[in-house]
Amino acid sequence: MGRTVPRHVAIIMDGNGRWAQQRRLPRTVGHRAGVKSVRAVVEESVRQGIEALTLFAFSSENWRRPQAEIRLLMELFLQTLRSDVRQLHENGVRLRVLGDRSAFPDVLQRRIAEAEDLTANNETLQLQIAANYGGRWDITQAARRLAADCVAGCLDPNAIDENAVRARLTGADLPEPDLFVRTGGEKRLSNFLLWQSAYAELYFTHLFWPDFDEDAYRLALADFASRQRRFGLTGDQISTLAGCVGG
């Protein structure tokens, strides 16, 4: 409970479009600028010894955006995979994509699978990109798996508990997020890792994602380190436990 560096950080990368609009530039320019922040946060996560980093790149609701912007996002995702995966691999980063990738172009699906295969055995940082992902979708697909296991006779319905649900969520092999960051000034979860973030510390910043650099990330990590995580206990109980561990 006294860990000062989060094991798992989840980030909603918000504000690319508004960053560009403030500069009277097309929204697509903001998305391209945001790639730099992705690289900065990944590199800082490695330096800080963070185990897992999950970035919300494209929600299941984002399909409602203008088609030109969606095409650019798909192209940008593909370009970034082509240009960055080798470096991620060389630095021991494992890449995984969370979400329903069946809606993506075939070439993007192939690139994702190739990147995941290449980096599958890396352990320095577990990097998860949530794309065509939604927290409700995640819980729903877990429920389907539970139902299928019950129908197949592999699971007793009376044995379904929180652990059974969690085991069927995406990324279930990783620790749940300790720190949940959202850039861009909005203060909501936007259907991101709803189950997994039940006890995450929330951190909101008005910085748009392209302006969220290493220094901004360190501020978020420092804020996390200053908090007392109680998990339902009282502050006095946490202090007592810390004293017992220290002794």
C-alpha atoms as a PDB file:
ATOM      1  CA  MET A   1       0.000   0.000   0.000  1.00  0.00           C
ATOM      2  CA  GLY A   2       2.937   2.266   0.458  1.00  0.00           C
ATOM      3  CA  ARG A   3       4.229   1.962  -3.108  1.00  0.00           C
ATOM      4  CA  THR A   4       4.957   5.456  -4.433  1.00  0.00           C
ATOM      5  CA  VAL A   5       5.207   4.485  -8.118  1.00  0.00           C
ATOM      6  CA  PRO A   6       2.042   3.035  -9.665  1.00  0.00           C
ATOM      7  CA  ARG A   7       2.341  -0.440 -11.087  1.00  0.00           C
ATOM      8  CA  HIS A   8      -0.225   0.345 -13.784  1.00  0.00           C
ATOM      9  CA  VAL A   9      -1.122   3.730 -15.287  1.00  0.00           C
ATOM     10  CA  ALA A  10      -4.167   4.232 -17.515  1.00  0.00           C
ATOM     11  CA  ILE A  11      -4.473   7.400 -19.602  1.00  0.00           C
ATOM     12  CA  ILE A  12      -7.266   8.956 -21.640  1.00  0.00           C
ATOM     13  CA  MET A  13      -5.363  10.940 -24.256  1.00  0.00           C
ATOM     14  CA  ASP A  14      -7.848  13.771 -24.728  1.00  0.00           C
ATOM     15  CA  GLY A  15      -7.551  17.152 -26.417  1.00  0.00           C
ATOM     16  CA  ASN A  16      -5.791  16.551 -29.738  1.00  0.00           C
ATOM     17  CA  GLY A  17      -8.546  18.200 -31.740  1.00  0.00           C
ATOM     18  CA  ARG A  18      -8.944  21.178 -29.438  1.00  0.00           C
ATOM     19  CA  TRP A  19      -5.157  21.651 -29.363  1.00  0.00           C
ATOM     20  CA  ALA A  20      -5.220  21.989 -33.147  1.00  0.00           C
ATOM     21  CA  GLN A  21      -8.299  24.214 -33.217  1.00  0.00           C
ATOM     22  CA  GLN A  22      -6.681  26.658 -30.791  1.00  0.00           C
ATOM     23  CA  ARG A  23      -3.924  27.011 -33.353  1.00  0.00           C
ATOM     24  CA  ARG A  24      -6.401  27.271 -36.251  1.00  0.00           C
ATOM     25  CA  LEU A  25      -5.154  24.018 -37.651  1.00  0.00           C
ATOM     26  CA  PRO A  26      -7.103  20.941 -38.817  1.00  0.00           C
ATOM     27  CA  ARG A  27      -7.950  18.462 -36.048  1.00  0.00           C
ATOM     28  CA  THR A  28      -5.835  15.881 -37.848  1.00  0.00           C
ATOM     29  CA  VAL A  29      -2.716  17.934 -37.072  1.00  0.00           C
ATOM     30  CA  GLY A  30      -3.485  17.548 -33.378  1.00  0.00           C
ATOM     31  CA  HIS A  31      -3.677  13.763 -33.703  1.00  0.00           C
ATOM     32  CA  ARG A  32      -0.271  13.699 -35.373  1.00  0.00           C
ATOM     33  CA  ALA A  33       1.151  15.954 -32.654  1.00  0.00           C
ATOM     34  CA  GLY A  34      -0.192  13.609 -30.007  1.00  0.00           C
ATOM     35  CA  VAL A  35       2.075  10.778 -31.161  1.00  0.00           C
ATOM     36  CA  LYS A  36       5.037  12.650 -29.662  1.00  0.00           C
ATOM     37  CA  SER A  37       3.359  12.585 -26.249  1.00  0.00           C
ATOM     38  CA  VAL A  38       2.729   8.852 -26.556  1.00  0.00           C
ATOM     39  CA  ARG A  39       6.439   8.279 -27.089  1.00  0.00           C
ATOM     40  CA  ALA A  40       7.356  10.563 -24.181  1.00  0.00           C
ATOM     41  CA  VAL A  41       5.001   8.810 -21.759  1.00  0.00           C
ATOM     42  CA  VAL A  42       6.131   5.342 -22.821  1.00  0.00           C
ATOM     43  CA  GLU A  43       9.795   6.287 -22.374  1.00  0.00           C
ATOM     44  CA  GLU A  44       9.150   7.879 -18.970  1.00  0.00           C
ATOM     45  CA  SER A  45       7.167   4.834 -17.849  1.00  0.00           C
ATOM     46  CA  VAL A  46      10.187   2.670 -18.617  1.00  0.00           C
ATOM     47  CA  ARG A  47      12.477   5.043 -16.692  1.00  0.00           C
ATOM     48  CA  GLN A  48      10.126   5.067 -13.696  1.00  0.00           C
ATOM     49  CA  GLY A  49       9.857   1.278 -13.539  1.00  0.00           C
ATOM     50  CA  ILE A  50       6.113   1.225 -14.194  1.00  0.00           C
ATOM     51  CA  GLU A  51       4.925  -2.272 -15.073  1.00  0.00           C
ATOM     52  CA  ALA A  52       1.932  -1.488 -17.283  1.00  0.00           C
ATOM     53  CA  LEU A  53       0.640   1.468 -19.268  1.00  0.00           C
ATOM     54  CA  THR A  54      -2.748   1.492 -20.970  1.00  0.00           C
ATOM     55  CA  LEU A  55      -3.560   4.295 -23.419  1.00  0.00           C
ATOM     56  CA  PHE A  56      -7.083   5.002 -24.680  1.00  0.00           C
ATOM     57  CA  ALA A  57      -6.525   5.651 -28.378  1.00  0.00           C
ATOM     58  CA  PHE A  58      -9.951   5.078 -29.957  1.00  0.00           C
ATOM     59  CA  SER A  59     -13.220   4.352 -28.205  1.00  0.00           C
ATOM     60  CA  SER A  60     -16.109   2.349 -29.579  1.00  0.00           C
ATOM     61  CA  GLU A  61     -18.045   5.632 -29.652  1.00  0.00           C
ATOM     62  CA  ASN A  62     -15.425   7.373 -31.820  1.00  0.00           C
ATOM     63  CA  TRP A  63     -16.839   5.762 -34.973  1.00  0.00           C
ATOM     64  CA  ARG A  64     -19.417   8.583 -34.906  1.00  0.00           C
ATOM     65  CA  ARG A  65     -16.739  11.137 -35.778  1.00  0.00           C
ATOM     66  CA  PRO A  66     -16.291  12.483 -39.338  1.00  0.00           C
ATOM     67  CA  GLN A  67     -15.109   9.775 -41.725  1.00  0.00           C
ATOM     68  CA  ALA A  68     -12.054  11.782 -42.774  1.00  0.00           C
ATOM     69  CA  GLU A  69     -10.882  11.960 -39.158  1.00  0.00           C
ATOM     70  CA  ILE A  70     -11.471   8.234 -38.646  1.00  0.00           C
ATOM     71  CA  ARG A  71      -9.451   7.411 -41.770  1.00  0.00           C
ATOM     72  CA  LEU A  72      -6.615   9.603 -40.511  1.00  0.00           C
ATOM     73  CA  LEU A  73      -6.656   7.888 -37.109  1.00  0.00           C
ATOM     74  CA  MET A  74      -6.494   4.449 -38.745  1.00  0.00           C
ATOM     75  CA  GLU A  75      -3.634   5.574 -41.012  1.00  0.00           C
ATOM     76  CA  LEU A  76      -1.799   7.142 -38.077  1.00  0.00           C
ATOM     77  CA  PHE A  77      -2.165   3.968 -36.036  1.00  0.00           C
ATOM     78  CA  LEU A  78      -0.760   1.949 -38.931  1.00  0.00           C
ATOM     79  CA  GLN A  79       2.132   4.360 -39.525  1.00  0.00           C
ATOM     80  CA  THR A  80       3.052   4.368 -35.843  1.00  0.00           C
ATOM     81  CA  LEU A  81       3.081   0.581 -35.727  1.00  0.00           C
ATOM     82  CA  ARG A  82       5.391   0.511 -38.736  1.00  0.00           C
ATOM     83  CA  SER A  83       7.776   3.134 -37.360  1.00  0.00           C
ATOM     84  CA  ASP A  84       7.856   2.412 -33.614  1.00  0.00           C
ATOM     85  CA  VAL A  85       7.371  -1.297 -32.990  1.00  0.00           C
ATOM     86  CA  ARG A  86      11.002  -2.222 -33.618  1.00  0.00           C
ATOM     87  CA  GLN A  87      12.186   0.366 -31.082  1.00  0.00           C
ATOM     88  CA  LEU A  88       9.597  -0.797 -28.559  1.00  0.00           C
ATOM     89  CA  HIS A  89      10.856  -4.332 -28.992  1.00  0.00           C
ATOM     90  CA  GLU A  90      14.491  -3.313 -28.576  1.00  0.00           C
ATOM     91  CA  ASN A  91      13.575  -1.591 -25.308  1.00  0.00           C
ATOM     92  CA  GLY A  92      11.751  -4.598 -23.905  1.00  0.00           C
ATOM     93  CA  VAL A  93       8.227  -3.227 -24.316  1.00  0.00           C
ATOM     94  CA  ARG A  94       5.405  -5.660 -24.932  1.00  0.00           C
ATOM     95  CA  LEU A  95       2.584  -4.231 -27.069  1.00  0.00           C
ATOM     96  CA  ARG A  96      -1.019  -5.384 -26.906  1.00  0.00           C
ATOM     97  CA  VAL A  97      -4.188  -3.930 -28.372  1.00  0.00           C
ATOM     98  CA  LEU A  98      -7.385  -4.105 -26.306  1.00  0.00           C
ATOM     99  CA  GLY A  99     -10.762  -3.920 -27.967  1.00  0.00           C
ATOM    100  CA  ASP A 100     -12.755  -5.311 -30.878  1.00  0.00           C
ATOM    101  CA  ARG A 101     -10.256  -5.108 -33.720  1.00  0.00           C
ATOM    102  CA  SER A 102     -12.578  -6.845 -36.225  1.00  0.00           C
ATOM    103  CA  ALA A 103     -13.834  -3.431 -37.409  1.00  0.00           C
ATOM    104  CA  PHE A 104     -10.332  -2.310 -38.426  1.00  0.00           C
ATOM    105  CA  PRO A 105      -8.960  -2.588 -41.983  1.00  0.00           C
ATOM    106  CA  ASP A 106      -7.355  -5.956 -42.691  1.00  0.00           C
ATOM    107  CA  VAL A 107      -3.893  -4.436 -43.103  1.00  0.00           C
ATOM    108  CA  LEU A 108      -4.136  -2.826 -39.672  1.00  0.00           C
ATOM    109  CA  GLN A 109      -5.300  -6.067 -38.092  1.00  0.00           C
ATOM    110  CA  ARG A 110      -2.289  -7.852 -39.595  1.00  0.00           C
ATOM    111  CA  ARG A 111       0.122  -5.183 -38.352  1.00  0.00           C
ATOM    112  CA  ILE A 112      -1.338  -5.405 -34.852  1.00  0.00           C
ATOM    113  CA  ALA A 113      -0.953  -9.183 -34.807  1.00  0.00           C
ATOM    114  CA  GLU A 114       2.635  -8.935 -36.086  1.00  0.00           C
ATOM    115  CA  ALA A 115       3.535  -6.328 -33.448  1.00  0.00           C
ATOM    116  CA  GLU A 116       1.998  -8.414 -30.671  1.00  0.00           C
ATOM    117  CA  ASP A 117       3.843 -11.537 -31.843  1.00  0.00           C
ATOM    118  CA  LEU A 118       7.182  -9.717 -32.100  1.00  0.00           C
ATOM    119  CA  THR A 119       6.988  -8.243 -28.594  1.00  0.00           C
ATOM    120  CA  ALA A 120       5.145 -11.094 -26.850  1.00  0.00           C
ATOM    121  CA  ASN A 121       8.022 -12.113 -24.586  1.00  0.00           C
ATOM    122  CA  ASN A 122       9.118  -8.629 -23.503  1.00  0.00           C
ATOM    123  CA  GLU A 123       8.793  -7.732 -19.817  1.00  0.00           C
ATOM    124  CA  THR A 124      10.186  -4.228 -19.228  1.00  0.00           C
ATOM    125  CA  LEU A 125       6.812  -2.529 -19.812  1.00  0.00           C
ATOM    126  CA  GLN A 126       3.410  -3.905 -20.745  1.00  0.00           C
ATOM    127  CA  LEU A 127       1.979  -1.330 -23.170  1.00  0.00           C
ATOM    128  CA  GLN A 128      -1.711  -1.709 -23.930  1.00  0.00           C
ATOM    129  CA  ILE A 129      -3.443   0.387 -26.592  1.00  0.00           C
ATOM    130  CA  ALA A 130      -7.218   0.470 -26.173  1.00  0.00           C
ATOM    131  CA  ALA A 131      -8.665   0.810 -29.671  1.00  0.00           C
ATOM    132  CA  ASN A 132     -12.331   0.282 -30.556  1.00  0.00           C
ATOM    133  CA  TYR A 133     -12.630  -0.371 -26.859  1.00  0.00           C
ATOM    134  CA  GLY A 134     -15.351   0.411 -24.347  1.00  0.00           C
ATOM    135  CA  GLY A 135     -15.629  -0.530 -20.697  1.00  0.00           C
ATOM    136  CA  ARG A 136     -19.200  -1.723 -21.107  1.00  0.00           C
ATOM    137  CA  TRP A 137     -18.168  -3.808 -24.115  1.00  0.00           C
ATOM    138  CA  ASP A 138     -15.427  -5.342 -21.982  1.00  0.00           C
ATOM    139  CA  ILE A 139     -17.822  -6.286 -19.184  1.00  0.00           C
ATOM    140  CA  THR A 140     -20.372  -7.573 -21.695  1.00  0.00           C
ATOM    141  CA  GLN A 141     -17.890  -9.864 -23.423  1.00  0.00           C
ATOM    142  CA  ALA A 142     -16.794 -11.139 -20.005  1.00  0.00           C
ATOM    143  CA  ALA A 143     -20.434 -11.921 -19.219  1.00  0.00           C
ATOM    144  CA  ARG A 144     -20.756 -13.825 -22.493  1.00  0.00           C
ATOM    145  CA  ARG A 145     -17.710 -15.911 -21.610  1.00  0.00           C
ATOM    146  CA  LEU A 146     -19.153 -16.660 -18.190  1.00  0.00           C
ATOM    147  CA  ALA A 147     -22.458 -17.728 -19.771  1.00  0.00           C
ATOM    148  CA  ALA A 148     -20.685 -19.933 -22.311  1.00  0.00           C
ATOM    149  CA  ASP A 149     -18.661 -21.619 -19.564  1.00  0.00           C
ATOM    150  CA  CYS A 150     -21.827 -22.256 -17.577  1.00  0.00           C
ATOM    151  CA  VAL A 151     -23.626 -23.731 -20.591  1.00  0.00           C
ATOM    152  CA  ALA A 152     -20.620 -25.932 -21.333  1.00  0.00           C
ATOM    153  CA  GLY A 153     -20.664 -27.210 -17.757  1.00  0.00           C
ATOM    154  CA  CYS A 154     -17.219 -25.775 -17.007  1.00  0.00           C
ATOM    155  CA  LEU A 155     -18.523 -23.323 -14.411  1.00  0.00           C
ATOM    156  CA  ASP A 156     -21.156 -23.489 -11.703  1.00  0.00           C
ATOM    157  CA  PRO A 157     -23.248 -20.271 -11.793  1.00  0.00           C
ATOM    158  CA  ASN A 158     -23.078 -20.203  -8.001  1.00  0.00           C
ATOM    159  CA  ALA A 159     -19.289 -19.984  -8.266  1.00  0.00           C
ATOM    160  CA  ILE A 160     -19.370 -16.702 -10.207  1.00  0.00           C
ATOM    161  CA  ASP A 161     -17.740 -13.993  -8.128  1.00  0.00           C
ATOM    162  CA  GLU A 162     -15.675 -10.865  -8.789  1.00  0.00           C
ATOM    163  CA  ASN A 163     -12.587 -12.918  -9.507  1.00  0.00           C
ATOM    164  CA  ALA A 164     -14.440 -14.946 -12.130  1.00  0.00           C
ATOM    165  CA  VAL A 165     -15.571 -11.786 -13.884  1.00  0.00           C
ATOM    166  CA  ARG A 166     -12.167 -10.130 -13.686  1.00  0.00           C
ATOM    167  CA  ALA A 167     -10.447 -13.187 -15.153  1.00  0.00           C
ATOM    168  CA  ARG A 168     -12.498 -12.783 -18.324  1.00  0.00           C
ATOM    169  CA  LEU A 169     -11.856  -9.082 -18.857  1.00  0.00           C
ATOM    170  CA  THR A 170      -9.227  -7.900 -21.306  1.00  0.00           C
ATOM    171  CA  GLY A 171      -5.785  -7.511 -19.779  1.00  0.00           C
ATOM    172  CA  ALA A 172      -6.758  -9.671 -16.826  1.00  0.00           C
ATOM    173  CA  ASP A 173      -3.188 -10.876 -16.356  1.00  0.00           C
ATOM    174  CA  LEU A 174      -2.004  -7.370 -15.421  1.00  0.00           C
ATOM    175  CA  PRO A 175      -2.514  -5.478 -12.153  1.00  0.00           C
ATOM    176  CA  GLU A 176      -5.496  -3.157 -12.156  1.00  0.00           C
ATOM    177  CA  PRO A 177      -4.735   0.537 -12.771  1.00  0.00           C
ATOM    178  CA  ASP A 178      -3.398   2.396  -9.756  1.00  0.00           C
ATOM    179  CA  LEU A 179      -3.417   5.785 -11.480  1.00  0.00           C
ATOM    180  CA  PHE A 180      -6.026   6.972 -13.997  1.00  0.00           C
ATOM    181  CA  VAL A 181      -5.010  10.119 -15.903  1.00  0.00           C
ATOM    182  CA  ARG A 182      -7.149  12.206 -18.221  1.00  0.00           C
ATOM    183  CA  THR A 183      -5.832  15.164 -20.175  1.00  0.00           C
ATOM    184  CA  GLY A 184      -7.842  17.899 -21.872  1.00  0.00           C
ATOM    185  CA  GLY A 185      -9.745  19.258 -18.887  1.00  0.00           C
ATOM    186  CA  GLU A 186     -12.720  16.876 -18.922  1.00  0.00           C
ATOM    187  CA  LYS A 187     -13.527  15.032 -15.692  1.00  0.00           C
ATOM    188  CA  ARG A 188     -15.214  11.788 -16.607  1.00  0.00           C
ATOM    189  CA  LEU A 189     -14.234   8.172 -17.251  1.00  0.00           C
ATOM    190  CA  SER A 190     -15.744   7.995 -20.758  1.00  0.00           C
ATOM    191  CA  ASN A 191     -16.353   4.243 -20.650  1.00  0.00           C
ATOM    192  CA  PHE A 192     -12.660   3.395 -20.136  1.00  0.00           C
ATOM    193  CA  LEU A 193     -11.612   0.424 -17.978  1.00  0.00           C
ATOM    194  CA  LEU A 194     -14.742   0.806 -15.859  1.00  0.00           C
ATOM    195  CA  TRP A 195     -14.374  -2.407 -13.854  1.00  0.00           C
ATOM    196  CA  GLN A 196     -10.605  -2.309 -13.623  1.00  0.00           C
ATOM    197  CA  SER A 197     -10.414   1.287 -12.348  1.00  0.00           C
ATOM    198  CA  ALA A 198     -12.682   0.813  -9.326  1.00  0.00           C
ATOM    199  CA  TYR A 199      -9.887   1.814  -6.911  1.00  0.00           C
ATOM    200  CA  ALA A 200      -7.667   3.839  -9.216  1.00  0.00           C
ATOM    201  CA  GLU A 201      -6.524   7.281  -8.139  1.00  0.00           C
ATOM    202  CA  LEU A 202      -7.946   9.854 -10.568  1.00  0.00           C
ATOM    203  CA  TYR A 203      -5.826  12.673 -11.941  1.00  0.00           C
ATOM    204  CA  PHE A 204      -7.212  15.329 -14.305  1.00  0.00           C
ATOM    205  CA  THR A 205      -5.206  17.991 -16.077  1.00  0.00           C
ATOM    206  CA  HIS A 206      -6.244  20.859 -18.337  1.00  0.00           C
ATOM    207  CA  LEU A 207      -3.259  20.202 -20.599  1.00  0.00           C
ATOM    208  CA  PHE A 208      -4.236  18.946 -24.025  1.00  0.00           C
ATOM    209  CA  TRP A 209      -2.622  15.644 -24.916  1.00  0.00           C
ATOM    210  CA  PRO A 210       0.004  17.084 -27.330  1.00  0.00           C
ATOM    211  CA  ASP A 211       1.246  19.272 -24.440  1.00  0.00           C
ATOM    212  CA  PHE A 212       1.464  16.371 -21.972  1.00  0.00           C
ATOM    213  CA  ASP A 213       5.220  15.786 -21.900  1.00  0.00           C
ATOM    214  CA  GLU A 214       7.632  14.057 -19.510  1.00  0.00           C
ATOM    215  CA  ASP A 215       7.420  16.880 -16.973  1.00  0.00           C
ATOM    216  CA  ALA A 216       3.618  16.824 -16.960  1.00  0.00           C
ATOM    217  CA  TYR A 217       3.660  13.059 -16.531  1.00  0.00           C
ATOM    218  CA  ARG A 218       6.075  13.342 -13.600  1.00  0.00           C
ATOM    219  CA  LEU A 219       3.674  15.792 -11.923  1.00  0.00           C
ATOM    220  CA  ALA A 220       0.906  13.204 -12.198  1.00  0.00           C
ATOM    221  CA  LEU A 221       3.169  10.540 -10.732  1.00  0.00           C
ATOM    222  CA  ALA A 222       4.221  12.860  -7.910  1.00  0.00           C
ATOM    223  CA  ASP A 223       0.577  13.576  -7.129  1.00  0.00           C
ATOM    224  CA  PHE A 224      -0.062   9.837  -6.952  1.00  0.00           C
ATOM    225  CA  ALA A 225       2.888   9.380  -4.589  1.00  0.00           C
ATOM    226  CA  SER A 226       1.420  11.990  -2.226  1.00  0.00           C
ATOM    227  CA  ARG A 227      -1.900  10.201  -1.800  1.00  0.00           C
ATOM    228  CA  GLN A 228      -2.872   7.708   0.873  1.00  0.00           C
ATOM    229  CA  ARG A 229      -4.612   4.749  -0.732  1.00  0.00           C
ATOM    230  CA  ARG A 230      -7.058   3.252   1.762  1.00  0.00           C
ATOM    231  CA  PHE A 231      -9.025   0.587  -0.165  1.00  0.00           C
ATOM    232  CA  GLY A 232     -11.954   0.896   2.246  1.00  0.00           C
ATOM    233  CA  LEU A 233      -9.834   1.148   5.407  1.00  0.00           C
ATOM    234  CA  THR A 234      -9.420   4.231   7.584  1.00  0.00           C
ATOM    235  CA  GLY A 235      -6.352   6.429   7.562  1.00  0.00           C
ATOM    236  CA  ASP A 236      -5.459   5.227  11.055  1.00  0.00           C
ATOM    237  CA  GLN A 237      -5.629   1.591   9.936  1.00  0.00           C
ATOM    238  CA  ILE A 238      -3.323   2.293   7.023  1.00  0.00           C
ATOM    239  CA  SER A 239      -0.856   4.046   9.339  1.00  0.00           C
ATOM    240  CA  THR A 240      -0.913   1.118  11.743  1.00  0.00           C
ATOM    241  CA  LEU A 241      -0.335  -1.378   8.927  1.00  0.00           C
ATOM    242  CA  ALA A 242       2.526   0.722   7.603  1.00  0.00           C
ATOM    243  CA  GLY A 243       4.065   0.797  11.068  1.00  0.00           C
ATOM    244  CA  CYS A 244       3.817  -2.984  11.368  1.00  0.00           C
ATOM    245  CA  VAL A 245       5.475  -3.479   7.988  1.00  0.00           C
ATOM    246  CA  GLY A 246       8.180  -0.961   8.860  1.00  0.00           C
ATOM    247  CA  GLY A 247       8.836  -2.674  12.147  1.00  0.00           C
END
